[in-house]
Amino acid sequence: MYVYALNLRHFRGFEDLWVFPKDDVNVIVGPNNSGKTTVLRALALLLDPSLAPWRPGFLSRFEFHDAEMGVPIELRAWLKPRTRENCDEGGTRYVRYDEPDKVKQAFFDKMS
């Protein structure tokens, strides 16, 4: 699986940010305080099952855009299965997807 799109709303320095990574290698560059770590933090919160952002005290006021805690943070990621194009012994081409059950099992607590 790879991240097809990422949307951060009211999170740290971004009021509304859309990111569309490529399906291979991505490099995040920019000057200090431009949001590089924010994008990585959002991905970690969305994709790391060991994190539990709903726990009381996990998020500080600094995680909210302009420290405005009255507006909820929204983090969304669209995942797409990685595909592989193969040929069988007869030369017939077919597309194979990542195993969705293994992906679901890895992220079961993030799915709603």
PDB file of N, CA and C in Angstrom:
ATOM      1  N   MET A   1       0.835  -1.179   0.000  1.00  0.00           N
ATOM      2  CA  MET A   1       0.000   0.000   0.000  1.00  0.00           C
ATOM      3  C   MET A   1       0.879   1.241   0.000  1.00  0.00           C
ATOM      4  N   TYR A   2       0.375   2.281  -0.617  1.00  0.00           N
ATOM      5  CA  TYR A   2       1.056   3.560  -0.534  1.00  0.00           C
ATOM      6  C   TYR A   2       0.019   4.662  -0.360  1.00  0.00           C
ATOM      7  N   VAL A   3       0.469   5.804   0.112  1.00  0.00           N
ATOM      8  CA  VAL A   3      -0.419   6.928   0.338  1.00  0.00           C
ATOM      9  C   VAL A   3      -0.675   7.604  -1.002  1.00  0.00           C
ATOM     10  N   TYR A   4      -1.923   7.616  -1.402  1.00  0.00           N
ATOM     11  CA  TYR A   4      -2.329   8.224  -2.655  1.00  0.00           C
ATOM     12  C   TYR A   4      -2.568   9.719  -2.481  1.00  0.00           C
ATOM     13  N   ALA A   5      -3.154  10.095  -1.341  1.00  0.00           N
ATOM     14  CA  ALA A   5      -3.420  11.502  -1.031  1.00  0.00           C
ATOM     15  C   ALA A   5      -3.439  11.672   0.479  1.00  0.00           C
ATOM     16  N   LEU A   6      -3.099  12.871   0.929  1.00  0.00           N
ATOM     17  CA  LEU A   6      -3.062  13.202   2.347  1.00  0.00           C
ATOM     18  C   LEU A   6      -3.670  14.581   2.514  1.00  0.00           C
ATOM     19  N   ASN A   7      -4.589  14.713   3.478  1.00  0.00           N
ATOM     20  CA  ASN A   7      -5.223  16.002   3.754  1.00  0.00           C
ATOM     21  C   ASN A   7      -5.091  16.311   5.237  1.00  0.00           C
ATOM     22  N   LEU A   8      -4.504  17.463   5.541  1.00  0.00           N
ATOM     23  CA  LEU A   8      -4.357  17.940   6.913  1.00  0.00           C
ATOM     24  C   LEU A   8      -5.209  19.187   7.061  1.00  0.00           C
ATOM     25  N   ARG A   9      -6.127  19.171   8.017  1.00  0.00           N
ATOM     26  CA  ARG A   9      -6.969  20.346   8.265  1.00  0.00           C
ATOM     27  C   ARG A   9      -6.835  20.751   9.717  1.00  0.00           C
ATOM     28  N   HIS A  10      -6.512  21.996   9.906  1.00  0.00           N
ATOM     29  CA  HIS A  10      -6.378  22.607  11.226  1.00  0.00           C
ATOM     30  C   HIS A  10      -5.300  21.881  12.056  1.00  0.00           C
ATOM     31  N   PHE A  11      -4.219  21.515  11.425  1.00  0.00           N
ATOM     32  CA  PHE A  11      -3.143  20.775  12.098  1.00  0.00           C
ATOM     33  C   PHE A  11      -1.858  21.575  12.023  1.00  0.00           C
ATOM     34  N   ARG A  12      -1.334  21.903  13.180  1.00  0.00           N
ATOM     35  CA  ARG A  12      -0.107  22.677  13.331  1.00  0.00           C
ATOM     36  C   ARG A  12      -0.134  23.930  12.455  1.00  0.00           C
ATOM     37  N   GLY A  13       0.797  24.091  11.543  1.00  0.00           N
ATOM     38  CA  GLY A  13       0.894  25.312  10.749  1.00  0.00           C
ATOM     39  C   GLY A  13      -0.022  25.357   9.541  1.00  0.00           C
ATOM     40  N   PHE A  14      -0.831  24.315   9.342  1.00  0.00           N
ATOM     41  CA  PHE A  14      -1.657  24.246   8.141  1.00  0.00           C
ATOM     42  C   PHE A  14      -3.142  24.322   8.485  1.00  0.00           C
ATOM     43  N   GLU A  15      -3.814  25.237   7.810  1.00  0.00           N
ATOM     44  CA  GLU A  15      -5.261  25.291   7.953  1.00  0.00           C
ATOM     45  C   GLU A  15      -5.913  24.230   7.069  1.00  0.00           C
ATOM     46  N   ASP A  16      -5.386  24.053   5.857  1.00  0.00           N
ATOM     47  CA  ASP A  16      -5.893  23.034   4.939  1.00  0.00           C
ATOM     48  C   ASP A  16      -4.794  22.721   3.928  1.00  0.00           C
ATOM     49  N   LEU A  17      -4.195  21.546   4.029  1.00  0.00           N
ATOM     50  CA  LEU A  17      -3.101  21.146   3.145  1.00  0.00           C
ATOM     51  C   LEU A  17      -3.442  19.830   2.474  1.00  0.00           C
ATOM     52  N   TRP A  18      -3.224  19.783   1.166  1.00  0.00           N
ATOM     53  CA  TRP A  18      -3.353  18.547   0.396  1.00  0.00           C
ATOM     54  C   TRP A  18      -1.973  18.154  -0.121  1.00  0.00           C
ATOM     55  N   VAL A  19      -1.635  16.865   0.020  1.00  0.00           N
ATOM     56  CA  VAL A  19      -0.370  16.323  -0.482  1.00  0.00           C
ATOM     57  C   VAL A  19      -0.709  15.111  -1.334  1.00  0.00           C
ATOM     58  N   PHE A  20      -0.112  15.049  -2.523  1.00  0.00           N
ATOM     59  CA  PHE A  20      -0.312  13.921  -3.432  1.00  0.00           C
ATOM     60  C   PHE A  20       1.047  13.303  -3.743  1.00  0.00           C
ATOM     61  N   PRO A  21       1.522  12.390  -2.878  1.00  0.00           N
ATOM     62  CA  PRO A  21       2.836  11.796  -3.106  1.00  0.00           C
ATOM     63  C   PRO A  21       2.863  10.906  -4.343  1.00  0.00           C
ATOM     64  N   LYS A  22       4.032  10.781  -4.904  1.00  0.00           N
ATOM     65  CA  LYS A  22       4.236   9.832  -6.001  1.00  0.00           C
ATOM     66  C   LYS A  22       4.274   8.435  -5.406  1.00  0.00           C
ATOM     67  N   ASP A  23       4.117   7.416  -6.232  1.00  0.00           N
ATOM     68  CA  ASP A  23       4.078   6.054  -5.699  1.00  0.00           C
ATOM     69  C   ASP A  23       5.450   5.419  -5.564  1.00  0.00           C
ATOM     70  N   ASP A  24       6.509   6.200  -5.794  1.00  0.00           N
ATOM     71  CA  ASP A  24       7.847   5.636  -5.581  1.00  0.00           C
ATOM     72  C   ASP A  24       8.557   6.451  -4.495  1.00  0.00           C
ATOM     73  N   VAL A  25       9.599   7.147  -4.790  1.00  0.00           N
ATOM     74  CA  VAL A  25      10.374   7.889  -3.803  1.00  0.00           C
ATOM     75  C   VAL A  25       9.899   9.340  -3.737  1.00  0.00           C
ATOM     76  N   ASN A  26       9.728   9.848  -2.521  1.00  0.00           N
ATOM     77  CA  ASN A  26       9.344  11.237  -2.304  1.00  0.00           C
ATOM     78  C   ASN A  26      10.353  11.882  -1.368  1.00  0.00           C
ATOM     79  N   VAL A  27      10.674  13.127  -1.625  1.00  0.00           N
ATOM     80  CA  VAL A  27      11.597  13.877  -0.789  1.00  0.00           C
ATOM     81  C   VAL A  27      10.870  15.144  -0.351  1.00  0.00           C
ATOM     82  N   ILE A  28      10.900  15.406   0.948  1.00  0.00           N
ATOM     83  CA  ILE A  28      10.265  16.615   1.484  1.00  0.00           C
ATOM     84  C   ILE A  28      11.379  17.600   1.803  1.00  0.00           C
ATOM     85  N   VAL A  29      11.362  18.743   1.131  1.00  0.00           N
ATOM     86  CA  VAL A  29      12.383  19.770   1.365  1.00  0.00           C
ATOM     87  C   VAL A  29      11.699  21.115   1.587  1.00  0.00           C
ATOM     88  N   GLY A  30      12.398  21.992   2.273  1.00  0.00           N
ATOM     89  CA  GLY A  30      11.887  23.332   2.512  1.00  0.00           C
ATOM     90  C   GLY A  30      12.670  23.993   3.620  1.00  0.00           C
ATOM     91  N   PRO A  31      12.483  25.295   3.782  1.00  0.00           N
ATOM     92  CA  PRO A  31      13.193  26.008   4.842  1.00  0.00           C
ATOM     93  C   PRO A  31      12.655  25.611   6.220  1.00  0.00           C
ATOM     94  N   ASN A  32      13.358  26.058   7.249  1.00  0.00           N
ATOM     95  CA  ASN A  32      12.906  25.806   8.614  1.00  0.00           C
ATOM     96  C   ASN A  32      11.487  26.325   8.802  1.00  0.00           C
ATOM     97  N   ASN A  33      10.713  25.578   9.590  1.00  0.00           N
ATOM     98  CA  ASN A  33       9.352  25.970   9.956  1.00  0.00           C
ATOM     99  C   ASN A  33       8.411  26.060   8.749  1.00  0.00           C
ATOM    100  N   SER A  34       8.622  25.199   7.749  1.00  0.00           N
ATOM    101  CA  SER A  34       7.740  25.213   6.582  1.00  0.00           C
ATOM    102  C   SER A  34       6.736  24.062   6.594  1.00  0.00           C
ATOM    103  N   GLY A  35       6.870  23.113   7.530  1.00  0.00           N
ATOM    104  CA  GLY A  35       5.892  22.041   7.659  1.00  0.00           C
ATOM    105  C   GLY A  35       6.361  20.653   7.291  1.00  0.00           C
ATOM    106  N   LYS A  36       7.659  20.476   7.102  1.00  0.00           N
ATOM    107  CA  LYS A  36       8.161  19.142   6.724  1.00  0.00           C
ATOM    108  C   LYS A  36       7.848  18.114   7.819  1.00  0.00           C
ATOM    109  N   THR A  37       8.158  18.453   9.062  1.00  0.00           N
ATOM    110  CA  THR A  37       7.913  17.543  10.174  1.00  0.00           C
ATOM    111  C   THR A  37       6.420  17.354  10.405  1.00  0.00           C
ATOM    112  N   THR A  38       5.626  18.374  10.143  1.00  0.00           N
ATOM    113  CA  THR A  38       4.176  18.279  10.308  1.00  0.00           C
ATOM    114  C   THR A  38       3.600  17.200   9.405  1.00  0.00           C
ATOM    115  N   VAL A  39       4.043  17.143   8.173  1.00  0.00           N
ATOM    116  CA  VAL A  39       3.557  16.119   7.242  1.00  0.00           C
ATOM    117  C   VAL A  39       3.948  14.729   7.750  1.00  0.00           C
ATOM    118  N   LEU A  40       5.170  14.573   8.205  1.00  0.00           N
ATOM    119  CA  LEU A  40       5.612  13.275   8.715  1.00  0.00           C
ATOM    120  C   LEU A  40       4.872  12.894   9.994  1.00  0.00           C
ATOM    121  N   ARG A  41       4.628  13.864  10.867  1.00  0.00           N
ATOM    122  CA  ARG A  41       3.885  13.616  12.107  1.00  0.00           C
ATOM    123  C   ARG A  41       2.461  13.165  11.781  1.00  0.00           C
ATOM    124  N   ALA A  42       1.828  13.808  10.824  1.00  0.00           N
ATOM    125  CA  ALA A  42       0.472  13.421  10.429  1.00  0.00           C
ATOM    126  C   ALA A  42       0.450  11.990   9.889  1.00  0.00           C
ATOM    127  N   LEU A  43       1.424  11.653   9.066  1.00  0.00           N
ATOM    128  CA  LEU A  43       1.501  10.283   8.549  1.00  0.00           C
ATOM    129  C   LEU A  43       1.691   9.281   9.680  1.00  0.00           C
ATOM    130  N   ALA A  44       2.527   9.616  10.645  1.00  0.00           N
ATOM    131  CA  ALA A  44       2.737   8.722  11.784  1.00  0.00           C
ATOM    132  C   ALA A  44       1.443   8.548  12.578  1.00  0.00           C
ATOM    133  N   LEU A  45       0.738   9.632  12.838  1.00  0.00           N
ATOM    134  CA  LEU A  45      -0.521   9.527  13.577  1.00  0.00           C
ATOM    135  C   LEU A  45      -1.549   8.678  12.842  1.00  0.00           C
ATOM    136  N   LEU A  46      -1.563   8.779  11.524  1.00  0.00           N
ATOM    137  CA  LEU A  46      -2.531   8.024  10.738  1.00  0.00           C
ATOM    138  C   LEU A  46      -2.159   6.555  10.550  1.00  0.00           C
ATOM    139  N   LEU A  47      -0.880   6.282  10.400  1.00  0.00           N
ATOM    140  CA  LEU A  47      -0.469   4.952   9.954  1.00  0.00           C
ATOM    141  C   LEU A  47       0.212   4.083  11.010  1.00  0.00           C
ATOM    142  N   ASP A  48       0.592   4.649  12.138  1.00  0.00           N
ATOM    143  CA  ASP A  48       1.289   3.854  13.157  1.00  0.00           C
ATOM    144  C   ASP A  48       0.284   3.350  14.186  1.00  0.00           C
ATOM    145  N   PRO A  49      -0.046   2.069  14.164  1.00  0.00           N
ATOM    146  CA  PRO A  49      -1.041   1.532  15.093  1.00  0.00           C
ATOM    147  C   PRO A  49      -0.638   1.635  16.562  1.00  0.00           C
ATOM    148  N   SER A  50       0.638   1.816  16.855  1.00  0.00           N
ATOM    149  CA  SER A  50       1.062   1.901  18.255  1.00  0.00           C
ATOM    150  C   SER A  50       0.762   3.266  18.871  1.00  0.00           C
ATOM    151  N   LEU A  51       0.516   4.286  18.052  1.00  0.00           N
ATOM    152  CA  LEU A  51       0.154   5.604  18.576  1.00  0.00           C
ATOM    153  C   LEU A  51      -1.339   5.634  18.880  1.00  0.00           C
ATOM    154  N   ALA A  52      -1.708   6.403  19.881  1.00  0.00           N
ATOM    155  CA  ALA A  52      -3.118   6.502  20.270  1.00  0.00           C
ATOM    156  C   ALA A  52      -3.471   7.965  20.507  1.00  0.00           C
ATOM    157  N   PRO A  53      -3.695   8.740  19.426  1.00  0.00           N
ATOM    158  CA  PRO A  53      -3.929  10.172  19.590  1.00  0.00           C
ATOM    159  C   PRO A  53      -5.207  10.531  20.335  1.00  0.00           C
ATOM    160  N   TRP A  54      -6.118   9.578  20.528  1.00  0.00           N
ATOM    161  CA  TRP A  54      -7.357   9.856  21.241  1.00  0.00           C
ATOM    162  C   TRP A  54      -7.162   9.844  22.753  1.00  0.00           C
ATOM    163  N   ARG A  55      -5.979   9.407  23.218  1.00  0.00           N
ATOM    164  CA  ARG A  55      -5.721   9.412  24.668  1.00  0.00           C
ATOM    165  C   ARG A  55      -5.711  10.839  25.193  1.00  0.00           C
ATOM    166  N   PRO A  56      -6.263  11.065  26.371  1.00  0.00           N
ATOM    167  CA  PRO A  56      -6.215  12.416  26.952  1.00  0.00           C
ATOM    168  C   PRO A  56      -4.774  12.880  27.126  1.00  0.00           C
ATOM    169  N   GLY A  57      -4.503  14.101  26.728  1.00  0.00           N
ATOM    170  CA  GLY A  57      -3.174  14.678  26.883  1.00  0.00           C
ATOM    171  C   GLY A  57      -2.183  14.316  25.793  1.00  0.00           C
ATOM    172  N   PHE A  58      -2.578  13.482  24.829  1.00  0.00           N
ATOM    173  CA  PHE A  58      -1.649  13.090  23.768  1.00  0.00           C
ATOM    174  C   PHE A  58      -1.324  14.268  22.858  1.00  0.00           C
ATOM    175  N   LEU A  59      -2.347  15.033  22.513  1.00  0.00           N
ATOM    176  CA  LEU A  59      -2.156  16.203  21.656  1.00  0.00           C
ATOM    177  C   LEU A  59      -2.111  17.466  22.521  1.00  0.00           C
ATOM    178  N   SER A  60      -1.159  18.322  22.247  1.00  0.00           N
ATOM    179  CA  SER A  60      -1.072  19.587  22.976  1.00  0.00           C
ATOM    180  C   SER A  60      -1.759  20.685  22.163  1.00  0.00           C
ATOM    181  N   ARG A  61      -1.892  21.862  22.743  1.00  0.00           N
ATOM    182  CA  ARG A  61      -2.517  22.973  22.023  1.00  0.00           C
ATOM    183  C   ARG A  61      -1.702  23.375  20.806  1.00  0.00           C
ATOM    184  N   PHE A  62      -0.416  23.030  20.798  1.00  0.00           N
ATOM    185  CA  PHE A  62       0.451  23.380  19.679  1.00  0.00           C
ATOM    186  C   PHE A  62       0.173  22.531  18.439  1.00  0.00           C
ATOM    187  N   GLU A  63      -0.547  21.431  18.602  1.00  0.00           N
ATOM    188  CA  GLU A  63      -0.916  20.602  17.455  1.00  0.00           C
ATOM    189  C   GLU A  63      -2.055  21.251  16.660  1.00  0.00           C
ATOM    190  N   PHE A  64      -2.816  22.163  17.291  1.00  0.00           N
ATOM    191  CA  PHE A  64      -3.953  22.817  16.655  1.00  0.00           C
ATOM    192  C   PHE A  64      -3.477  24.059  15.911  1.00  0.00           C
ATOM    193  N   HIS A  65      -4.018  24.282  14.737  1.00  0.00           N
ATOM    194  CA  HIS A  65      -3.653  25.450  13.929  1.00  0.00           C
ATOM    195  C   HIS A  65      -3.934  26.731  14.713  1.00  0.00           C
ATOM    196  N   ASP A  66      -2.933  27.576  14.843  1.00  0.00           N
ATOM    197  CA  ASP A  66      -3.025  28.828  15.605  1.00  0.00           C
ATOM    198  C   ASP A  66      -3.471  28.597  17.047  1.00  0.00           C
ATOM    199  N   ALA A  67      -3.185  27.425  17.603  1.00  0.00           N
ATOM    200  CA  ALA A  67      -3.551  27.049  18.981  1.00  0.00           C
ATOM    201  C   ALA A  67      -5.049  27.219  19.243  1.00  0.00           C
ATOM    202  N   GLU A  68      -5.860  27.122  18.214  1.00  0.00           N
ATOM    203  CA  GLU A  68      -7.308  27.272  18.304  1.00  0.00           C
ATOM    204  C   GLU A  68      -7.938  25.904  18.548  1.00  0.00           C
ATOM    205  N   MET A  69      -8.075  25.543  19.812  1.00  0.00           N
ATOM    206  CA  MET A  69      -8.516  24.202  20.182  1.00  0.00           C
ATOM    207  C   MET A  69     -10.013  23.968  19.992  1.00  0.00           C
ATOM    208  N   GLY A  70     -10.761  25.011  19.659  1.00  0.00           N
ATOM    209  CA  GLY A  70     -12.194  24.854  19.441  1.00  0.00           C
ATOM    210  C   GLY A  70     -12.537  24.229  18.102  1.00  0.00           C
ATOM    211  N   VAL A  71     -11.588  24.221  17.180  1.00  0.00           N
ATOM    212  CA  VAL A  71     -11.805  23.623  15.857  1.00  0.00           C
ATOM    213  C   VAL A  71     -11.056  22.294  15.815  1.00  0.00           C
ATOM    214  N   PRO A  72     -11.745  21.191  15.490  1.00  0.00           N
ATOM    215  CA  PRO A  72     -11.076  19.883  15.524  1.00  0.00           C
ATOM    216  C   PRO A  72     -10.028  19.713  14.421  1.00  0.00           C
ATOM    217  N   ILE A  73      -9.024  18.919  14.744  1.00  0.00           N
ATOM    218  CA  ILE A  73      -8.013  18.523  13.771  1.00  0.00           C
ATOM    219  C   ILE A  73      -8.604  17.407  12.906  1.00  0.00           C
ATOM    220  N   GLU A  74      -8.385  17.487  11.600  1.00  0.00           N
ATOM    221  CA  GLU A  74      -8.811  16.419  10.685  1.00  0.00           C
ATOM    222  C   GLU A  74      -7.605  15.969   9.883  1.00  0.00           C
ATOM    223  N   LEU A  75      -7.275  14.695  10.005  1.00  0.00           N
ATOM    224  CA  LEU A  75      -6.186  14.092   9.237  1.00  0.00           C
ATOM    225  C   LEU A  75      -6.786  12.956   8.424  1.00  0.00           C
ATOM    226  N   ARG A  76      -6.551  12.985   7.118  1.00  0.00           N
ATOM    227  CA  ARG A  76      -7.083  11.932   6.249  1.00  0.00           C
ATOM    228  C   ARG A  76      -6.000  11.463   5.294  1.00  0.00           C
ATOM    229  N   ALA A  77      -5.961  10.170   5.108  1.00  0.00           N
ATOM    230  CA  ALA A  77      -5.041   9.592   4.123  1.00  0.00           C
ATOM    231  C   ALA A  77      -5.826   8.603   3.269  1.00  0.00           C
ATOM    232  N   TRP A  78      -5.595   8.678   1.985  1.00  0.00           N
ATOM    233  CA  TRP A  78      -6.180   7.722   1.054  1.00  0.00           C
ATOM    234  C   TRP A  78      -5.070   6.755   0.664  1.00  0.00           C
ATOM    235  N   LEU A  79      -5.317   5.477   0.906  1.00  0.00           N
ATOM    236  CA  LEU A  79      -4.331   4.448   0.602  1.00  0.00           C
ATOM    237  C   LEU A  79      -4.728   3.721  -0.669  1.00  0.00           C
ATOM    238  N   LYS A  80      -3.726   3.324  -1.407  1.00  0.00           N
ATOM    239  CA  LYS A  80      -3.963   2.613  -2.665  1.00  0.00           C
ATOM    240  C   LYS A  80      -3.078   1.376  -2.657  1.00  0.00           C
ATOM    241  N   PRO A  81      -3.609   0.242  -3.084  1.00  0.00           N
ATOM    242  CA  PRO A  81      -2.760  -0.956  -3.103  1.00  0.00           C
ATOM    243  C   PRO A  81      -1.668  -0.844  -4.157  1.00  0.00           C
ATOM    244  N   ARG A  82      -0.509  -1.284  -3.796  1.00  0.00           N
ATOM    245  CA  ARG A  82       0.593  -1.314  -4.759  1.00  0.00           C
ATOM    246  C   ARG A  82       0.348  -2.486  -5.704  1.00  0.00           C
ATOM    247  N   THR A  83       0.616  -2.277  -6.963  1.00  0.00           N
ATOM    248  CA  THR A  83       0.387  -3.327  -7.946  1.00  0.00           C
ATOM    249  C   THR A  83       1.711  -3.780  -8.546  1.00  0.00           C
ATOM    250  N   ARG A  84       1.700  -5.008  -8.979  1.00  0.00           N
ATOM    251  CA  ARG A  84       2.857  -5.559  -9.680  1.00  0.00           C
ATOM    252  C   ARG A  84       2.340  -6.202 -10.955  1.00  0.00           C
ATOM    253  N   GLU A  85       2.997  -5.904 -12.036  1.00  0.00           N
ATOM    254  CA  GLU A  85       2.605  -6.521 -13.295  1.00  0.00           C
ATOM    255  C   GLU A  85       3.499  -7.730 -13.519  1.00  0.00           C
ATOM    256  N   ASN A  86       2.883  -8.876 -13.731  1.00  0.00           N
ATOM    257  CA  ASN A  86       3.620 -10.123 -13.901  1.00  0.00           C
ATOM    258  C   ASN A  86       3.148 -10.846 -15.154  1.00  0.00           C
ATOM    259  N   CYS A  87       3.888 -11.835 -15.522  1.00  0.00           N
ATOM    260  CA  CYS A  87       3.490 -12.728 -16.607  1.00  0.00           C
ATOM    261  C   CYS A  87       3.507 -14.153 -16.070  1.00  0.00           C
ATOM    262  N   ASP A  88       2.496 -14.922 -16.440  1.00  0.00           N
ATOM    263  CA  ASP A  88       2.514 -16.330 -16.041  1.00  0.00           C
ATOM    264  C   ASP A  88       3.384 -17.107 -17.030  1.00  0.00           C
ATOM    265  N   GLU A  89       3.457 -18.415 -16.870  1.00  0.00           N
ATOM    266  CA  GLU A  89       4.342 -19.237 -17.697  1.00  0.00           C
ATOM    267  C   GLU A  89       3.963 -19.185 -19.181  1.00  0.00           C
ATOM    268  N   GLY A  90       2.683 -18.933 -19.470  1.00  0.00           N
ATOM    269  CA  GLY A  90       2.244 -18.872 -20.860  1.00  0.00           C
ATOM    270  C   GLY A  90       2.452 -17.500 -21.485  1.00  0.00           C
ATOM    271  N   GLY A  91       2.985 -16.546 -20.706  1.00  0.00           N
ATOM    272  CA  GLY A  91       3.234 -15.211 -21.227  1.00  0.00           C
ATOM    273  C   GLY A  91       2.057 -14.257 -21.077  1.00  0.00           C
ATOM    274  N   THR A  92       0.992 -14.726 -20.404  1.00  0.00           N
ATOM    275  CA  THR A  92      -0.165 -13.851 -20.180  1.00  0.00           C
ATOM    276  C   THR A  92       0.161 -12.848 -19.073  1.00  0.00           C
ATOM    277  N   ARG A  93      -0.093 -11.577 -19.395  1.00  0.00           N
ATOM    278  CA  ARG A  93       0.191 -10.527 -18.408  1.00  0.00           C
ATOM    279  C   ARG A  93      -0.988 -10.385 -17.448  1.00  0.00           C
ATOM    280  N   TYR A  94      -0.681 -10.163 -16.182  1.00  0.00           N
ATOM    281  CA  TYR A  94      -1.730  -9.916 -15.195  1.00  0.00           C
ATOM    282  C   TYR A  94      -1.185  -8.957 -14.136  1.00  0.00           C
ATOM    283  N   VAL A  95      -2.095  -8.327 -13.420  1.00  0.00           N
ATOM    284  CA  VAL A  95      -1.740  -7.377 -12.364  1.00  0.00           C
ATOM    285  C   VAL A  95      -2.049  -8.017 -11.026  1.00  0.00           C
ATOM    286  N   ARG A  96      -1.100  -7.929 -10.117  1.00  0.00           N
ATOM    287  CA  ARG A  96      -1.274  -8.493  -8.785  1.00  0.00           C
ATOM    288  C   ARG A  96      -1.242  -7.358  -7.768  1.00  0.00           C
ATOM    289  N   TYR A  97      -2.185  -7.348  -6.843  1.00  0.00           N
ATOM    290  CA  TYR A  97      -2.256  -6.318  -5.817  1.00  0.00           C
ATOM    291  C   TYR A  97      -1.679  -6.835  -4.511  1.00  0.00           C
ATOM    292  N   ASP A  98      -1.280  -5.888  -3.652  1.00  0.00           N
ATOM    293  CA  ASP A  98      -0.890  -6.269  -2.299  1.00  0.00           C
ATOM    294  C   ASP A  98      -2.054  -7.001  -1.642  1.00  0.00           C
ATOM    295  N   GLU A  99      -1.735  -7.817  -0.654  1.00  0.00           N
ATOM    296  CA  GLU A  99      -2.781  -8.574   0.016  1.00  0.00           C
ATOM    297  C   GLU A  99      -3.550  -7.652   0.959  1.00  0.00           C
ATOM    298  N   PRO A 100      -4.815  -7.328   0.650  1.00  0.00           N
ATOM    299  CA  PRO A 100      -5.556  -6.360   1.450  1.00  0.00           C
ATOM    300  C   PRO A 100      -5.810  -6.810   2.883  1.00  0.00           C
ATOM    301  N   ASP A 101      -5.941  -8.111   3.120  1.00  0.00           N
ATOM    302  CA  ASP A 101      -6.197  -8.574   4.488  1.00  0.00           C
ATOM    303  C   ASP A 101      -5.018  -8.286   5.403  1.00  0.00           C
ATOM    304  N   LYS A 102      -3.804  -8.436   4.906  1.00  0.00           N
ATOM    305  CA  LYS A 102      -2.627  -8.137   5.724  1.00  0.00           C
ATOM    306  C   LYS A 102      -2.547  -6.641   6.011  1.00  0.00           C
ATOM    307  N   VAL A 103      -2.904  -5.827   5.041  1.00  0.00           N
ATOM    308  CA  VAL A 103      -2.893  -4.381   5.242  1.00  0.00           C
ATOM    309  C   VAL A 103      -3.947  -3.988   6.264  1.00  0.00           C
ATOM    310  N   LYS A 104      -5.154  -4.530   6.134  1.00  0.00           N
ATOM    311  CA  LYS A 104      -6.214  -4.234   7.090  1.00  0.00           C
ATOM    312  C   LYS A 104      -5.813  -4.657   8.498  1.00  0.00           C
ATOM    313  N   GLN A 105      -5.179  -5.807   8.625  1.00  0.00           N
ATOM    314  CA  GLN A 105      -4.760  -6.290   9.934  1.00  0.00           C
ATOM    315  C   GLN A 105      -3.727  -5.345  10.553  1.00  0.00           C
ATOM    316  N   ALA A 106      -2.839  -4.787   9.759  1.00  0.00           N
ATOM    317  CA  ALA A 106      -1.814  -3.886  10.274  1.00  0.00           C
ATOM    318  C   ALA A 106      -2.404  -2.558  10.748  1.00  0.00           C
ATOM    319  N   PHE A 107      -3.508  -2.130  10.123  1.00  0.00           N
ATOM    320  CA  PHE A 107      -4.088  -0.822  10.443  1.00  0.00           C
ATOM    321  C   PHE A 107      -5.502  -0.937  11.002  1.00  0.00           C
ATOM    322  N   PHE A 108      -5.842  -2.072  11.624  1.00  0.00           N
ATOM    323  CA  PHE A 108      -7.220  -2.292  12.030  1.00  0.00           C
ATOM    324  C   PHE A 108      -7.754  -1.229  12.978  1.00  0.00           C
ATOM    325  N   ASP A 109      -6.933  -0.690  13.866  1.00  0.00           N
ATOM    326  CA  ASP A 109      -7.434   0.290  14.834  1.00  0.00           C
ATOM    327  C   ASP A 109      -7.560   1.685  14.238  1.00  0.00           C
ATOM    328  N   LYS A 110      -7.044   1.900  13.023  1.00  0.00           N
ATOM    329  CA  LYS A 110      -7.145   3.199  12.372  1.00  0.00           C
ATOM    330  C   LYS A 110      -8.348   3.274  11.439  1.00  0.00           C
ATOM    331  N   MET A 111      -8.982   2.152  11.188  1.00  0.00           N
ATOM    332  CA  MET A 111     -10.075   2.121  10.227  1.00  0.00           C
ATOM    333  C   MET A 111     -11.401   2.350  10.957  1.00  0.00           C
ATOM    334  N   SER A 112     -12.257   3.153  10.356  1.00  0.00           N
ATOM    335  CA  SER A 112     -13.569   3.391  10.980  1.00  0.00           C
ATOM    336  C   SER A 112     -14.650   3.349   9.912  1.00  0.00           C
TER     337      SER A 112
END
